[in-house]
Amino acid sequence: TFTLSQGGTPIAASVSYTDTAAILTPDSPFEAGVTLTATVTTGVTDLAGNALEADYVWSFTTNPAPDTTPPVVLSTDPDNGATGVAIDSPIRAVFSEVIDISTLTPATFTVTQGGMPVLGFVGYTGVTATFVPTENLLPGIPCTATITTDVKDLAGNALAAEFTWTFGTGTPPEVLFTNPANGAFGVAVDRQIDVIFTVPMDPTTIDDLSFTVRHGAV
């Protein structure tokens, strides 16, 4: 008259009664994260023989299994081994799950360049941690980013191993030569002025404010 089931399957248990309380004790612990249904039938009566008017049924769910899976880094930006990375680029790591933000600091997410620490601050949104240098990275020098095992998920699981990746910054563009050359004499009065760069440039940044010509001091 007092039963417990999981998905329609009865659960072995014993029933006792004290004062006005009926107690069902399962023979073994419940599974984690499952829904159970308890039923008290109309076969239950009081001392005068009065039965319940209807079966009494209720359900509940057990605690989920504890999270014991450590987080992992799924991807990074820049990628491991990337070259030509912009010197003002933030460094990002995407995790497999939500991270305890208190464990993400400039001490647990570090960047070095040429073996020297890079100063910066760490931000976190969604499952992405971002290291933002306080100053631009140096051009043409290898960088190493490291996330230590002090970084943990919300259940307290730490990274199983320190995660490290490397990338290289790009070299700033330079003016390779000009035509006319610096100090040239006898230049035609209708001569166009050319500047040749070492790398392709963003044309939207080249205009009459960034490329100017003066006649004397004017």
C-alpha atoms as a PDB file:
ATOM      1  CA  THR A   1       0.000   0.000   0.000  1.00  0.00           C
ATOM      2  CA  PHE A   2       3.054   2.300   0.217  1.00  0.00           C
ATOM      3  CA  THR A   3       5.307   1.907  -2.847  1.00  0.00           C
ATOM      4  CA  LEU A   4       8.130   3.628  -4.643  1.00  0.00           C
ATOM      5  CA  SER A   5       9.006   3.289  -8.307  1.00  0.00           C
ATOM      6  CA  GLN A   6      11.400   4.643 -10.912  1.00  0.00           C
ATOM      7  CA  GLY A   7      10.014   4.917 -14.419  1.00  0.00           C
ATOM      8  CA  GLY A   8       7.327   2.384 -13.506  1.00  0.00           C
ATOM      9  CA  THR A   9       9.817  -0.091 -12.029  1.00  0.00           C
ATOM     10  CA  PRO A  10       9.206  -0.873  -8.341  1.00  0.00           C
ATOM     11  CA  ILE A  11      12.039  -0.163  -5.915  1.00  0.00           C
ATOM     12  CA  ALA A  12      12.653  -2.741  -3.210  1.00  0.00           C
ATOM     13  CA  ALA A  13      12.029  -1.193   0.202  1.00  0.00           C
ATOM     14  CA  SER A  14      10.651  -1.807   3.676  1.00  0.00           C
ATOM     15  CA  VAL A  15       7.847   0.140   5.347  1.00  0.00           C
ATOM     16  CA  SER A  16       7.501   1.072   9.004  1.00  0.00           C
ATOM     17  CA  TYR A  17       5.020   3.202  10.944  1.00  0.00           C
ATOM     18  CA  THR A  18       5.444   5.480  13.977  1.00  0.00           C
ATOM     19  CA  ASP A  19       2.686   7.655  15.473  1.00  0.00           C
ATOM     20  CA  THR A  20       1.180   9.175  12.345  1.00  0.00           C
ATOM     21  CA  ALA A  21       4.206   8.748  10.088  1.00  0.00           C
ATOM     22  CA  ALA A  22       4.668   5.980   7.534  1.00  0.00           C
ATOM     23  CA  ILE A  23       8.335   5.516   6.584  1.00  0.00           C
ATOM     24  CA  LEU A  24       9.556   3.774   3.414  1.00  0.00           C
ATOM     25  CA  THR A  25      13.234   2.827   3.529  1.00  0.00           C
ATOM     26  CA  PRO A  26      14.804   1.642   0.228  1.00  0.00           C
ATOM     27  CA  ASP A  27      17.009  -1.447   0.354  1.00  0.00           C
ATOM     28  CA  SER A  28      19.816   0.400  -1.485  1.00  0.00           C
ATOM     29  CA  PRO A  29      20.722   4.036  -2.226  1.00  0.00           C
ATOM     30  CA  PHE A  30      18.906   5.812  -5.023  1.00  0.00           C
ATOM     31  CA  GLU A  31      20.578   6.452  -8.359  1.00  0.00           C
ATOM     32  CA  ALA A  32      21.773   9.984  -8.971  1.00  0.00           C
ATOM     33  CA  GLY A  33      19.681  12.371 -11.045  1.00  0.00           C
ATOM     34  CA  VAL A  34      16.548  10.229 -11.388  1.00  0.00           C
ATOM     35  CA  THR A  35      12.860  10.922 -10.781  1.00  0.00           C
ATOM     36  CA  LEU A  36      11.072   8.673  -8.287  1.00  0.00           C
ATOM     37  CA  THR A  37       7.341   8.286  -7.706  1.00  0.00           C
ATOM     38  CA  ALA A  38       5.832   7.373  -4.318  1.00  0.00           C
ATOM     39  CA  THR A  39       2.283   6.087  -3.939  1.00  0.00           C
ATOM     40  CA  VAL A  40       0.047   5.511  -0.919  1.00  0.00           C
ATOM     41  CA  THR A  41      -3.034   3.571  -2.025  1.00  0.00           C
ATOM     42  CA  THR A  42      -6.608   3.540  -0.810  1.00  0.00           C
ATOM     43  CA  GLY A  43      -5.790   0.259   0.891  1.00  0.00           C
ATOM     44  CA  VAL A  44      -4.547   2.355   3.811  1.00  0.00           C
ATOM     45  CA  THR A  45      -7.192   2.900   6.526  1.00  0.00           C
ATOM     46  CA  ASP A  46      -7.401   4.610   9.871  1.00  0.00           C
ATOM     47  CA  LEU A  47      -8.182   2.739  13.115  1.00  0.00           C
ATOM     48  CA  ALA A  48     -11.904   3.112  12.407  1.00  0.00           C
ATOM     49  CA  GLY A  49     -11.517   1.414   9.022  1.00  0.00           C
ATOM     50  CA  ASN A  50     -11.864   4.586   6.936  1.00  0.00           C
ATOM     51  CA  ALA A  51      -9.746   4.407   3.766  1.00  0.00           C
ATOM     52  CA  LEU A  52      -8.099   7.215   1.850  1.00  0.00           C
ATOM     53  CA  GLU A  53     -10.541   8.708  -0.631  1.00  0.00           C
ATOM     54  CA  ALA A  54      -7.964   8.355  -3.449  1.00  0.00           C
ATOM     55  CA  ASP A  55      -4.417   7.178  -4.018  1.00  0.00           C
ATOM     56  CA  TYR A  56      -1.898   9.778  -2.911  1.00  0.00           C
ATOM     57  CA  VAL A  57       0.956  10.104  -5.438  1.00  0.00           C
ATOM     58  CA  TRP A  58       3.983  12.412  -5.494  1.00  0.00           C
ATOM     59  CA  SER A  59       7.335  12.554  -7.268  1.00  0.00           C
ATOM     60  CA  PHE A  60      10.792  13.879  -6.526  1.00  0.00           C
ATOM     61  CA  THR A  61      14.228  13.892  -8.145  1.00  0.00           C
ATOM     62  CA  THR A  62      17.495  12.808  -6.577  1.00  0.00           C
ATOM     63  CA  ASN A  63      20.656  14.908  -6.630  1.00  0.00           C
ATOM     64  CA  PRO A  64      22.634  14.749  -9.869  1.00  0.00           C
ATOM     65  CA  ALA A  65      25.895  12.852  -9.888  1.00  0.00           C
ATOM     66  CA  PRO A  66      28.727  15.026  -8.576  1.00  0.00           C
ATOM     67  CA  ASP A  67      30.806  16.794 -11.226  1.00  0.00           C
ATOM     68  CA  THR A  68      34.262  15.250 -11.205  1.00  0.00           C
ATOM     69  CA  THR A  69      35.261  16.147 -14.760  1.00  0.00           C
ATOM     70  CA  PRO A  70      38.080  18.692 -14.986  1.00  0.00           C
ATOM     71  CA  PRO A  71      37.689  21.569 -17.438  1.00  0.00           C
ATOM     72  CA  VAL A  72      39.769  21.638 -20.601  1.00  0.00           C
ATOM     73  CA  VAL A  73      40.806  24.386 -23.004  1.00  0.00           C
ATOM     74  CA  LEU A  74      38.980  23.792 -26.292  1.00  0.00           C
ATOM     75  CA  SER A  75      40.550  26.537 -28.388  1.00  0.00           C
ATOM     76  CA  THR A  76      42.725  29.624 -28.226  1.00  0.00           C
ATOM     77  CA  ASP A  77      43.054  32.905 -30.062  1.00  0.00           C
ATOM     78  CA  PRO A  78      45.709  33.286 -31.371  1.00  0.00           C
ATOM     79  CA  ASP A  79      46.068  29.641 -32.323  1.00  0.00           C
ATOM     80  CA  ASN A  80      49.064  27.687 -31.136  1.00  0.00           C
ATOM     81  CA  GLY A  81      51.928  28.367 -33.535  1.00  0.00           C
ATOM     82  CA  ALA A  82      50.260  31.424 -35.108  1.00  0.00           C
ATOM     83  CA  THR A  83      52.535  34.058 -36.618  1.00  0.00           C
ATOM     84  CA  GLY A  84      52.059  37.666 -37.595  1.00  0.00           C
ATOM     85  CA  VAL A  85      49.717  38.311 -34.666  1.00  0.00           C
ATOM     86  CA  ALA A  86      48.836  41.978 -34.204  1.00  0.00           C
ATOM     87  CA  ILE A  87      50.754  43.562 -31.349  1.00  0.00           C
ATOM     88  CA  ASP A  88      47.521  44.932 -29.821  1.00  0.00           C
ATOM     89  CA  SER A  89      45.689  41.585 -29.888  1.00  0.00           C
ATOM     90  CA  PRO A  90      44.037  40.210 -26.728  1.00  0.00           C
ATOM     91  CA  ILE A  91      44.816  36.574 -25.909  1.00  0.00           C
ATOM     92  CA  ARG A  92      41.811  34.286 -25.438  1.00  0.00           C
ATOM     93  CA  ALA A  93      41.119  30.750 -24.223  1.00  0.00           C
ATOM     94  CA  VAL A  94      37.771  28.955 -24.596  1.00  0.00           C
ATOM     95  CA  PHE A  95      36.955  26.342 -21.943  1.00  0.00           C
ATOM     96  CA  SER A  96      34.740  23.256 -22.069  1.00  0.00           C
ATOM     97  CA  GLU A  97      32.561  24.549 -19.215  1.00  0.00           C
ATOM     98  CA  VAL A  98      31.938  27.526 -16.967  1.00  0.00           C
ATOM     99  CA  ILE A  99      34.967  28.463 -14.885  1.00  0.00           C
ATOM    100  CA  ASP A 100      35.078  29.830 -11.345  1.00  0.00           C
ATOM    101  CA  ILE A 101      35.933  33.434 -12.150  1.00  0.00           C
ATOM    102  CA  SER A 102      37.786  33.857  -8.855  1.00  0.00           C
ATOM    103  CA  THR A 103      40.409  31.391 -10.097  1.00  0.00           C
ATOM    104  CA  LEU A 104      41.135  33.372 -13.271  1.00  0.00           C
ATOM    105  CA  THR A 105      43.750  36.004 -12.476  1.00  0.00           C
ATOM    106  CA  PRO A 106      46.951  37.393 -14.009  1.00  0.00           C
ATOM    107  CA  ALA A 107      48.714  34.778 -11.844  1.00  0.00           C
ATOM    108  CA  THR A 108      46.804  31.802 -13.302  1.00  0.00           C
ATOM    109  CA  PHE A 109      46.546  33.111 -16.888  1.00  0.00           C
ATOM    110  CA  THR A 110      49.946  34.481 -17.835  1.00  0.00           C
ATOM    111  CA  VAL A 111      51.692  35.677 -20.965  1.00  0.00           C
ATOM    112  CA  THR A 112      55.429  36.022 -21.477  1.00  0.00           C
ATOM    113  CA  GLN A 113      57.334  37.443 -24.409  1.00  0.00           C
ATOM    114  CA  GLY A 114      60.950  36.596 -24.923  1.00  0.00           C
ATOM    115  CA  GLY A 115      60.861  35.007 -21.466  1.00  0.00           C
ATOM    116  CA  MET A 116      59.722  38.241 -19.790  1.00  0.00           C
ATOM    117  CA  PRO A 117      56.276  38.583 -18.143  1.00  0.00           C
ATOM    118  CA  VAL A 118      53.678  40.654 -19.978  1.00  0.00           C
ATOM    119  CA  LEU A 119      51.600  42.866 -17.700  1.00  0.00           C
ATOM    120  CA  GLY A 120      47.851  42.746 -18.222  1.00  0.00           C
ATOM    121  CA  PHE A 121      44.442  41.963 -16.771  1.00  0.00           C
ATOM    122  CA  VAL A 122      42.149  38.977 -17.209  1.00  0.00           C
ATOM    123  CA  GLY A 123      38.462  39.135 -18.134  1.00  0.00           C
ATOM    124  CA  TYR A 124      35.901  36.357 -18.401  1.00  0.00           C
ATOM    125  CA  THR A 125      32.628  36.046 -20.342  1.00  0.00           C
ATOM    126  CA  GLY A 126      30.613  32.884 -20.914  1.00  0.00           C
ATOM    127  CA  VAL A 127      33.305  30.213 -21.179  1.00  0.00           C
ATOM    128  CA  THR A 128      35.988  32.505 -22.607  1.00  0.00           C
ATOM    129  CA  ALA A 129      38.890  33.965 -20.628  1.00  0.00           C
ATOM    130  CA  THR A 130      40.716  36.947 -22.122  1.00  0.00           C
ATOM    131  CA  PHE A 131      44.149  38.282 -21.215  1.00  0.00           C
ATOM    132  CA  VAL A 132      44.489  41.928 -22.247  1.00  0.00           C
ATOM    133  CA  PRO A 133      48.043  43.340 -22.118  1.00  0.00           C
ATOM    134  CA  THR A 134      48.325  46.788 -20.554  1.00  0.00           C
ATOM    135  CA  GLU A 135      50.695  47.763 -23.397  1.00  0.00           C
ATOM    136  CA  ASN A 136      51.108  46.513 -26.929  1.00  0.00           C
ATOM    137  CA  LEU A 137      53.184  43.387 -27.368  1.00  0.00           C
ATOM    138  CA  LEU A 138      56.621  43.790 -28.866  1.00  0.00           C
ATOM    139  CA  PRO A 139      56.845  43.101 -32.594  1.00  0.00           C
ATOM    140  CA  GLY A 140      58.608  40.051 -33.933  1.00  0.00           C
ATOM    141  CA  ILE A 141      59.194  38.329 -30.564  1.00  0.00           C
ATOM    142  CA  PRO A 142      57.700  34.912 -29.645  1.00  0.00           C
ATOM    143  CA  CYS A 143      54.991  34.851 -26.961  1.00  0.00           C
ATOM    144  CA  THR A 144      53.936  32.065 -24.599  1.00  0.00           C
ATOM    145  CA  ALA A 145      50.532  31.965 -22.899  1.00  0.00           C
ATOM    146  CA  THR A 146      49.963  29.688 -19.911  1.00  0.00           C
ATOM    147  CA  ILE A 147      46.877  28.669 -17.931  1.00  0.00           C
ATOM    148  CA  THR A 148      47.807  26.944 -14.691  1.00  0.00           C
ATOM    149  CA  THR A 149      46.139  24.110 -12.802  1.00  0.00           C
ATOM    150  CA  ASP A 150      44.890  26.663 -10.256  1.00  0.00           C
ATOM    151  CA  VAL A 151      42.041  27.412 -12.689  1.00  0.00           C
ATOM    152  CA  LYS A 152      38.922  25.485 -11.618  1.00  0.00           C
ATOM    153  CA  ASP A 153      35.320  24.954 -12.667  1.00  0.00           C
ATOM    154  CA  LEU A 154      32.339  25.763 -10.460  1.00  0.00           C
ATOM    155  CA  ALA A 155      32.515  22.302  -8.860  1.00  0.00           C
ATOM    156  CA  GLY A 156      36.116  22.882  -7.821  1.00  0.00           C
ATOM    157  CA  ASN A 157      37.675  20.621 -10.456  1.00  0.00           C
ATOM    158  CA  ALA A 158      41.040  21.963 -11.604  1.00  0.00           C
ATOM    159  CA  LEU A 159      42.634  21.659 -15.035  1.00  0.00           C
ATOM    160  CA  ALA A 160      44.285  18.251 -15.189  1.00  0.00           C
ATOM    161  CA  ALA A 161      47.507  19.794 -16.512  1.00  0.00           C
ATOM    162  CA  GLU A 162      48.934  23.219 -17.209  1.00  0.00           C
ATOM    163  CA  PHE A 163      47.916  24.459 -20.667  1.00  0.00           C
ATOM    164  CA  THR A 164      50.489  26.347 -22.738  1.00  0.00           C
ATOM    165  CA  TRP A 165      50.562  27.668 -26.282  1.00  0.00           C
ATOM    166  CA  THR A 166      52.877  29.895 -28.285  1.00  0.00           C
ATOM    167  CA  PHE A 167      52.503  32.439 -31.056  1.00  0.00           C
ATOM    168  CA  GLY A 168      54.530  35.172 -32.733  1.00  0.00           C
ATOM    169  CA  THR A 169      53.755  38.839 -33.235  1.00  0.00           C
ATOM    170  CA  GLY A 170      54.082  40.509 -36.594  1.00  0.00           C
ATOM    171  CA  THR A 171      56.687  43.064 -37.577  1.00  0.00           C
ATOM    172  CA  PRO A 172      55.312  46.614 -38.018  1.00  0.00           C
ATOM    173  CA  PRO A 173      55.278  47.880 -41.600  1.00  0.00           C
ATOM    174  CA  GLU A 174      58.119  50.113 -42.724  1.00  0.00           C
ATOM    175  CA  VAL A 175      58.683  52.441 -45.641  1.00  0.00           C
ATOM    176  CA  LEU A 176      61.003  50.568 -47.998  1.00  0.00           C
ATOM    177  CA  PHE A 177      61.774  53.486 -50.321  1.00  0.00           C
ATOM    178  CA  THR A 178      60.246  56.617 -51.830  1.00  0.00           C
ATOM    179  CA  ASN A 179      60.205  58.139 -55.278  1.00  0.00           C
ATOM    180  CA  PRO A 180      61.477  60.868 -55.409  1.00  0.00           C
ATOM    181  CA  ALA A 181      64.140  59.787 -52.907  1.00  0.00           C
ATOM    182  CA  ASN A 182      64.871  61.811 -49.793  1.00  0.00           C
ATOM    183  CA  GLY A 183      66.998  64.836 -50.730  1.00  0.00           C
ATOM    184  CA  ALA A 184      66.498  64.416 -54.505  1.00  0.00           C
ATOM    185  CA  PHE A 185      67.080  67.475 -56.760  1.00  0.00           C
ATOM    186  CA  GLY A 186      65.606  68.378 -60.127  1.00  0.00           C
ATOM    187  CA  VAL A 187      62.291  66.637 -59.508  1.00  0.00           C
ATOM    188  CA  ALA A 188      59.691  67.439 -62.159  1.00  0.00           C
ATOM    189  CA  VAL A 189      57.077  69.879 -60.943  1.00  0.00           C
ATOM    190  CA  ASP A 190      54.294  67.501 -62.005  1.00  0.00           C
ATOM    191  CA  ARG A 191      55.904  64.401 -60.552  1.00  0.00           C
ATOM    192  CA  GLN A 192      53.691  62.081 -58.473  1.00  0.00           C
ATOM    193  CA  ILE A 193      55.106  61.016 -55.130  1.00  0.00           C
ATOM    194  CA  ASP A 194      55.296  57.287 -54.388  1.00  0.00           C
ATOM    195  CA  VAL A 195      55.860  55.483 -51.095  1.00  0.00           C
ATOM    196  CA  ILE A 196      56.647  51.751 -51.143  1.00  0.00           C
ATOM    197  CA  PHE A 197      55.966  49.758 -47.961  1.00  0.00           C
ATOM    198  CA  THR A 198      57.427  46.450 -46.801  1.00  0.00           C
ATOM    199  CA  VAL A 199      53.972  44.827 -46.454  1.00  0.00           C
ATOM    200  CA  PRO A 200      50.480  45.386 -47.889  1.00  0.00           C
ATOM    201  CA  MET A 201      48.730  48.247 -46.101  1.00  0.00           C
ATOM    202  CA  ASP A 202      45.136  48.932 -45.095  1.00  0.00           C
ATOM    203  CA  PRO A 203      44.045  51.429 -47.776  1.00  0.00           C
ATOM    204  CA  THR A 204      41.415  52.952 -45.484  1.00  0.00           C
ATOM    205  CA  THR A 205      44.221  54.288 -43.272  1.00  0.00           C
ATOM    206  CA  ILE A 206      45.986  56.113 -46.114  1.00  0.00           C
ATOM    207  CA  ASP A 207      44.431  59.480 -46.888  1.00  0.00           C
ATOM    208  CA  ASP A 208      45.286  63.201 -47.088  1.00  0.00           C
ATOM    209  CA  LEU A 209      45.718  63.285 -43.303  1.00  0.00           C
ATOM    210  CA  SER A 210      48.111  60.364 -42.970  1.00  0.00           C
ATOM    211  CA  PHE A 211      50.051  61.069 -46.222  1.00  0.00           C
ATOM    212  CA  THR A 212      50.858  64.757 -46.620  1.00  0.00           C
ATOM    213  CA  VAL A 213      53.181  66.908 -48.718  1.00  0.00           C
ATOM    214  CA  ARG A 214      54.445  70.352 -47.758  1.00  0.00           C
ATOM    215  CA  HIS A 215      56.168  73.001 -49.834  1.00  0.00           C
ATOM    216  CA  GLY A 216      58.754  74.514 -47.559  1.00  0.00           C
ATOM    217  CA  ALA A 217      57.160  75.238 -44.217  1.00  0.00           C
ATOM    218  CA  VAL A 218      53.682  75.463 -45.677  1.00  0.00           C
END
